[in-house]
């Protein structure tokens, strides 16, 4: 079966930073294959475009430039907030929680939750980076299509695969 809209795809992949020779960022092997509903908007459009029309057993290898992946780094997405924004109800800031590189959940004025990474801590400020962790990076994928099947009506309606590995319970 060929990969196309409303097919459930299971694949393995190795993601490397920058090129086929870059550092390994993530691996999905046969025991932990990535299973998703193709065309449902859950994957990067450029990733889906590169595997379109492949079939079970096909190997793939492609590079997504940063602009096609998670975008370039946006300097306006790096902001400083007052350290007391991290205070508990007693006004105490737990300094151990403010570790460089640590992800933190923040909320904007409209109540939207967003993840940021701590990139600097000073005596009274914390600098947060709201860019996606892979922003500004070219992504190289290699892998193999393990399975392609028709999605169920329920999966199409809900926009995602049901059950572990895409199988119904």
C-alpha atoms as a PDB file:
ATOM      1  CA  UNK A   1       0.000   0.000   0.000  1.00  0.00           C
ATOM      2  CA  UNK A   2       1.243   3.503  -0.853  1.00  0.00           C
ATOM      3  CA  UNK A   3       1.433   6.398   1.609  1.00  0.00           C
ATOM      4  CA  UNK A   4      -1.296   8.951   0.945  1.00  0.00           C
ATOM      5  CA  UNK A   5      -3.920  10.968   2.845  1.00  0.00           C
ATOM      6  CA  UNK A   6      -5.803   9.033   5.551  1.00  0.00           C
ATOM      7  CA  UNK A   7      -3.348   6.145   5.623  1.00  0.00           C
ATOM      8  CA  UNK A   8      -1.809   5.023   8.906  1.00  0.00           C
ATOM      9  CA  UNK A   9       1.970   4.953   8.505  1.00  0.00           C
ATOM     10  CA  UNK A  10       4.480   3.191  10.754  1.00  0.00           C
ATOM     11  CA  UNK A  11       8.137   3.918  10.170  1.00  0.00           C
ATOM     12  CA  UNK A  12      11.534   3.840  11.760  1.00  0.00           C
ATOM     13  CA  UNK A  13      13.909   6.766  11.500  1.00  0.00           C
ATOM     14  CA  UNK A  14      17.125   8.299  12.672  1.00  0.00           C
ATOM     15  CA  UNK A  15      17.136  12.089  12.963  1.00  0.00           C
ATOM     16  CA  UNK A  16      20.512  13.801  12.716  1.00  0.00           C
ATOM     17  CA  UNK A  17      21.368  17.458  13.241  1.00  0.00           C
ATOM     18  CA  UNK A  18      22.428  19.265  10.069  1.00  0.00           C
ATOM     19  CA  UNK A  19      23.400  16.415   7.725  1.00  0.00           C
ATOM     20  CA  UNK A  20      23.678  12.650   7.270  1.00  0.00           C
ATOM     21  CA  UNK A  21      26.878  12.889   9.327  1.00  0.00           C
ATOM     22  CA  UNK A  22      25.466  15.107  12.084  1.00  0.00           C
ATOM     23  CA  UNK A  23      24.901  14.175  15.704  1.00  0.00           C
ATOM     24  CA  UNK A  24      22.004  11.791  16.319  1.00  0.00           C
ATOM     25  CA  UNK A  25      19.102  13.712  17.869  1.00  0.00           C
ATOM     26  CA  UNK A  26      16.427  11.016  17.975  1.00  0.00           C
ATOM     27  CA  UNK A  27      15.872   7.399  16.940  1.00  0.00           C
ATOM     28  CA  UNK A  28      12.624   5.502  16.411  1.00  0.00           C
ATOM     29  CA  UNK A  29      13.541   1.827  15.981  1.00  0.00           C
ATOM     30  CA  UNK A  30      11.336  -1.162  15.182  1.00  0.00           C
ATOM     31  CA  UNK A  31      10.300  -1.549  18.847  1.00  0.00           C
ATOM     32  CA  UNK A  32       9.371   2.148  19.042  1.00  0.00           C
ATOM     33  CA  UNK A  33       8.285   2.899  15.483  1.00  0.00           C
ATOM     34  CA  UNK A  34       6.565   6.201  14.769  1.00  0.00           C
ATOM     35  CA  UNK A  35       2.917   5.568  13.839  1.00  0.00           C
ATOM     36  CA  UNK A  36       0.749   8.439  12.603  1.00  0.00           C
ATOM     37  CA  UNK A  37      -2.214   9.346  10.421  1.00  0.00           C
ATOM     38  CA  UNK A  38      -0.785  10.773   7.205  1.00  0.00           C
ATOM     39  CA  UNK A  39      -2.262  14.135   6.204  1.00  0.00           C
ATOM     40  CA  UNK A  40      -3.857  14.875   9.600  1.00  0.00           C
ATOM     41  CA  UNK A  41      -1.518  17.765  10.391  1.00  0.00           C
ATOM     42  CA  UNK A  42       0.394  15.999  13.161  1.00  0.00           C
ATOM     43  CA  UNK A  43       3.708  15.879  11.266  1.00  0.00           C
ATOM     44  CA  UNK A  44       5.784  18.579   9.605  1.00  0.00           C
ATOM     45  CA  UNK A  45       4.279  19.110   6.126  1.00  0.00           C
ATOM     46  CA  UNK A  46       7.758  18.933   4.598  1.00  0.00           C
ATOM     47  CA  UNK A  47       8.361  15.565   6.315  1.00  0.00           C
ATOM     48  CA  UNK A  48       5.112  14.182   4.904  1.00  0.00           C
ATOM     49  CA  UNK A  49       5.926  15.528   1.438  1.00  0.00           C
ATOM     50  CA  UNK A  50       9.229  13.602   1.466  1.00  0.00           C
ATOM     51  CA  UNK A  51       7.570  10.259   2.273  1.00  0.00           C
ATOM     52  CA  UNK A  52       4.510  10.716   0.057  1.00  0.00           C
ATOM     53  CA  UNK A  53       3.963   7.819  -2.355  1.00  0.00           C
ATOM     54  CA  UNK A  54       6.429   5.515  -0.551  1.00  0.00           C
ATOM     55  CA  UNK A  55       5.212   2.009   0.295  1.00  0.00           C
ATOM     56  CA  UNK A  56       5.853  -0.643   2.933  1.00  0.00           C
ATOM     57  CA  UNK A  57       9.521  -1.622   2.873  1.00  0.00           C
ATOM     58  CA  UNK A  58      10.714   1.621   1.243  1.00  0.00           C
ATOM     59  CA  UNK A  59      13.866   3.254   2.601  1.00  0.00           C
ATOM     60  CA  UNK A  60      14.113   7.026   2.771  1.00  0.00           C
ATOM     61  CA  UNK A  61      16.777   9.656   3.322  1.00  0.00           C
ATOM     62  CA  UNK A  62      16.239  13.410   3.085  1.00  0.00           C
ATOM     63  CA  UNK A  63      17.296  16.764   4.508  1.00  0.00           C
ATOM     64  CA  UNK A  64      14.855  19.412   5.697  1.00  0.00           C
ATOM     65  CA  UNK A  65      16.342  22.902   5.812  1.00  0.00           C
ATOM     66  CA  UNK A  66      15.507  24.796   9.024  1.00  0.00           C
ATOM     67  CA  UNK A  67      12.921  26.939   7.212  1.00  0.00           C
ATOM     68  CA  UNK A  68      11.082  23.742   6.112  1.00  0.00           C
ATOM     69  CA  UNK A  69      11.283  22.209   9.579  1.00  0.00           C
ATOM     70  CA  UNK A  70      10.850  24.251  12.776  1.00  0.00           C
ATOM     71  CA  UNK A  71      11.822  27.597  11.252  1.00  0.00           C
ATOM     72  CA  UNK A  72      14.726  29.890  11.875  1.00  0.00           C
ATOM     73  CA  UNK A  73      15.533  31.086  15.382  1.00  0.00           C
ATOM     74  CA  UNK A  74      13.371  34.097  16.211  1.00  0.00           C
ATOM     75  CA  UNK A  75      15.314  36.504  18.461  1.00  0.00           C
ATOM     76  CA  UNK A  76      12.000  38.023  19.623  1.00  0.00           C
ATOM     77  CA  UNK A  77      11.084  34.635  21.141  1.00  0.00           C
ATOM     78  CA  UNK A  78      13.883  35.076  23.718  1.00  0.00           C
ATOM     79  CA  UNK A  79      12.698  37.233  26.599  1.00  0.00           C
ATOM     80  CA  UNK A  80      13.697  38.157  30.116  1.00  0.00           C
ATOM     81  CA  UNK A  81      11.256  37.912  32.989  1.00  0.00           C
ATOM     82  CA  UNK A  82      11.616  38.910  36.606  1.00  0.00           C
ATOM     83  CA  UNK A  83      12.981  36.081  38.733  1.00  0.00           C
ATOM     84  CA  UNK A  84      10.105  36.601  41.178  1.00  0.00           C
ATOM     85  CA  UNK A  85       7.776  35.304  38.412  1.00  0.00           C
ATOM     86  CA  UNK A  86       8.962  31.888  39.625  1.00  0.00           C
ATOM     87  CA  UNK A  87       8.125  32.535  43.288  1.00  0.00           C
ATOM     88  CA  UNK A  88       5.774  30.248  45.179  1.00  0.00           C
ATOM     89  CA  UNK A  89       2.735  31.535  47.085  1.00  0.00           C
ATOM     90  CA  UNK A  90       5.071  32.588  49.936  1.00  0.00           C
ATOM     91  CA  UNK A  91       7.212  34.684  47.583  1.00  0.00           C
ATOM     92  CA  UNK A  92      10.160  32.251  47.706  1.00  0.00           C
ATOM     93  CA  UNK A  93      12.043  31.383  44.511  1.00  0.00           C
ATOM     94  CA  UNK A  94      13.482  27.845  44.501  1.00  0.00           C
ATOM     95  CA  UNK A  95      16.839  28.504  42.802  1.00  0.00           C
ATOM     96  CA  UNK A  96      17.309  24.753  42.163  1.00  0.00           C
ATOM     97  CA  UNK A  97      14.409  24.859  39.692  1.00  0.00           C
ATOM     98  CA  UNK A  98      16.129  27.561  37.604  1.00  0.00           C
ATOM     99  CA  UNK A  99      18.689  25.352  35.841  1.00  0.00           C
ATOM    100  CA  UNK A 100      20.135  26.307  32.432  1.00  0.00           C
ATOM    101  CA  UNK A 101      18.499  24.341  29.615  1.00  0.00           C
ATOM    102  CA  UNK A 102      15.596  23.215  31.798  1.00  0.00           C
ATOM    103  CA  UNK A 103      12.174  23.347  30.126  1.00  0.00           C
ATOM    104  CA  UNK A 104       9.526  25.374  31.955  1.00  0.00           C
ATOM    105  CA  UNK A 105       5.832  25.894  31.254  1.00  0.00           C
ATOM    106  CA  UNK A 106       4.724  29.511  31.120  1.00  0.00           C
ATOM    107  CA  UNK A 107       1.376  31.189  30.557  1.00  0.00           C
ATOM    108  CA  UNK A 108       0.735  34.359  28.558  1.00  0.00           C
ATOM    109  CA  UNK A 109      -1.776  37.130  29.326  1.00  0.00           C
ATOM    110  CA  UNK A 110      -4.520  35.230  27.462  1.00  0.00           C
ATOM    111  CA  UNK A 111      -3.937  32.016  29.450  1.00  0.00           C
ATOM    112  CA  UNK A 112      -2.155  30.139  26.643  1.00  0.00           C
ATOM    113  CA  UNK A 113       0.429  27.653  27.975  1.00  0.00           C
ATOM    114  CA  UNK A 114       3.813  27.610  26.242  1.00  0.00           C
ATOM    115  CA  UNK A 115       7.055  25.782  26.852  1.00  0.00           C
ATOM    116  CA  UNK A 116      10.329  27.658  27.103  1.00  0.00           C
ATOM    117  CA  UNK A 117      13.918  26.768  27.982  1.00  0.00           C
ATOM    118  CA  UNK A 118      15.942  28.641  30.589  1.00  0.00           C
ATOM    119  CA  UNK A 119      18.981  30.113  28.819  1.00  0.00           C
ATOM    120  CA  UNK A 120      20.330  32.518  31.485  1.00  0.00           C
ATOM    121  CA  UNK A 121      19.770  33.335  35.152  1.00  0.00           C
ATOM    122  CA  UNK A 122      20.966  36.530  36.853  1.00  0.00           C
ATOM    123  CA  UNK A 123      20.370  37.916  40.334  1.00  0.00           C
ATOM    124  CA  UNK A 124      16.907  39.214  39.457  1.00  0.00           C
ATOM    125  CA  UNK A 125      16.061  37.988  35.920  1.00  0.00           C
ATOM    126  CA  UNK A 126      15.538  34.739  34.024  1.00  0.00           C
ATOM    127  CA  UNK A 127      16.043  34.650  30.256  1.00  0.00           C
ATOM    128  CA  UNK A 128      13.640  32.276  28.487  1.00  0.00           C
ATOM    129  CA  UNK A 129      13.799  30.934  24.938  1.00  0.00           C
ATOM    130  CA  UNK A 130      10.382  30.109  23.450  1.00  0.00           C
ATOM    131  CA  UNK A 131      11.845  28.911  20.120  1.00  0.00           C
ATOM    132  CA  UNK A 132      11.275  25.231  19.340  1.00  0.00           C
ATOM    133  CA  UNK A 133      14.337  23.225  20.477  1.00  0.00           C
ATOM    134  CA  UNK A 134      15.128  22.341  16.838  1.00  0.00           C
ATOM    135  CA  UNK A 135      14.540  25.875  15.469  1.00  0.00           C
ATOM    136  CA  UNK A 136      17.369  27.064  13.242  1.00  0.00           C
ATOM    137  CA  UNK A 137      18.591  23.528  12.605  1.00  0.00           C
ATOM    138  CA  UNK A 138      18.599  21.509   9.389  1.00  0.00           C
ATOM    139  CA  UNK A 139      17.176  18.030  10.025  1.00  0.00           C
ATOM    140  CA  UNK A 140      18.386  14.893   8.247  1.00  0.00           C
ATOM    141  CA  UNK A 141      16.111  11.843   8.351  1.00  0.00           C
ATOM    142  CA  UNK A 142      16.920   8.290   7.285  1.00  0.00           C
ATOM    143  CA  UNK A 143      14.568   5.397   7.836  1.00  0.00           C
ATOM    144  CA  UNK A 144      12.266   2.722   6.542  1.00  0.00           C
ATOM    145  CA  UNK A 145       8.502   2.477   6.055  1.00  0.00           C
ATOM    146  CA  UNK A 146       7.434  -0.511   8.166  1.00  0.00           C
ATOM    147  CA  UNK A 147       3.706  -0.551   7.421  1.00  0.00           C
ATOM    148  CA  UNK A 148       0.979   1.393   5.607  1.00  0.00           C
ATOM    149  CA  UNK A 149      -2.701   0.640   6.193  1.00  0.00           C
ATOM    150  CA  UNK A 150      -6.102   2.229   5.682  1.00  0.00           C
ATOM    151  CA  UNK A 151      -7.194   4.394   8.598  1.00  0.00           C
ATOM    152  CA  UNK A 152     -10.469   3.513  10.268  1.00  0.00           C
ATOM    153  CA  UNK A 153     -13.398   5.927  10.019  1.00  0.00           C
ATOM    154  CA  UNK A 154     -12.930   6.696  13.709  1.00  0.00           C
ATOM    155  CA  UNK A 155      -9.228   7.510  13.255  1.00  0.00           C
ATOM    156  CA  UNK A 156     -10.031   9.816  10.348  1.00  0.00           C
ATOM    157  CA  UNK A 157     -12.796  11.512  12.345  1.00  0.00           C
ATOM    158  CA  UNK A 158     -10.538  12.015  15.374  1.00  0.00           C
ATOM    159  CA  UNK A 159      -7.459  12.944  13.308  1.00  0.00           C
ATOM    160  CA  UNK A 160      -5.095  10.465  14.974  1.00  0.00           C
ATOM    161  CA  UNK A 161      -4.204   6.794  15.232  1.00  0.00           C
ATOM    162  CA  UNK A 162      -5.944   4.713  17.916  1.00  0.00           C
ATOM    163  CA  UNK A 163      -4.246   2.146  20.102  1.00  0.00           C
ATOM    164  CA  UNK A 164      -0.586   1.224  20.557  1.00  0.00           C
ATOM    165  CA  UNK A 165       1.223   1.001  17.253  1.00  0.00           C
ATOM    166  CA  UNK A 166      -1.957   2.072  15.520  1.00  0.00           C
ATOM    167  CA  UNK A 167      -3.956  -1.065  16.321  1.00  0.00           C
ATOM    168  CA  UNK A 168      -7.448  -0.980  17.800  1.00  0.00           C
ATOM    169  CA  UNK A 169      -7.933  -2.217  21.349  1.00  0.00           C
END
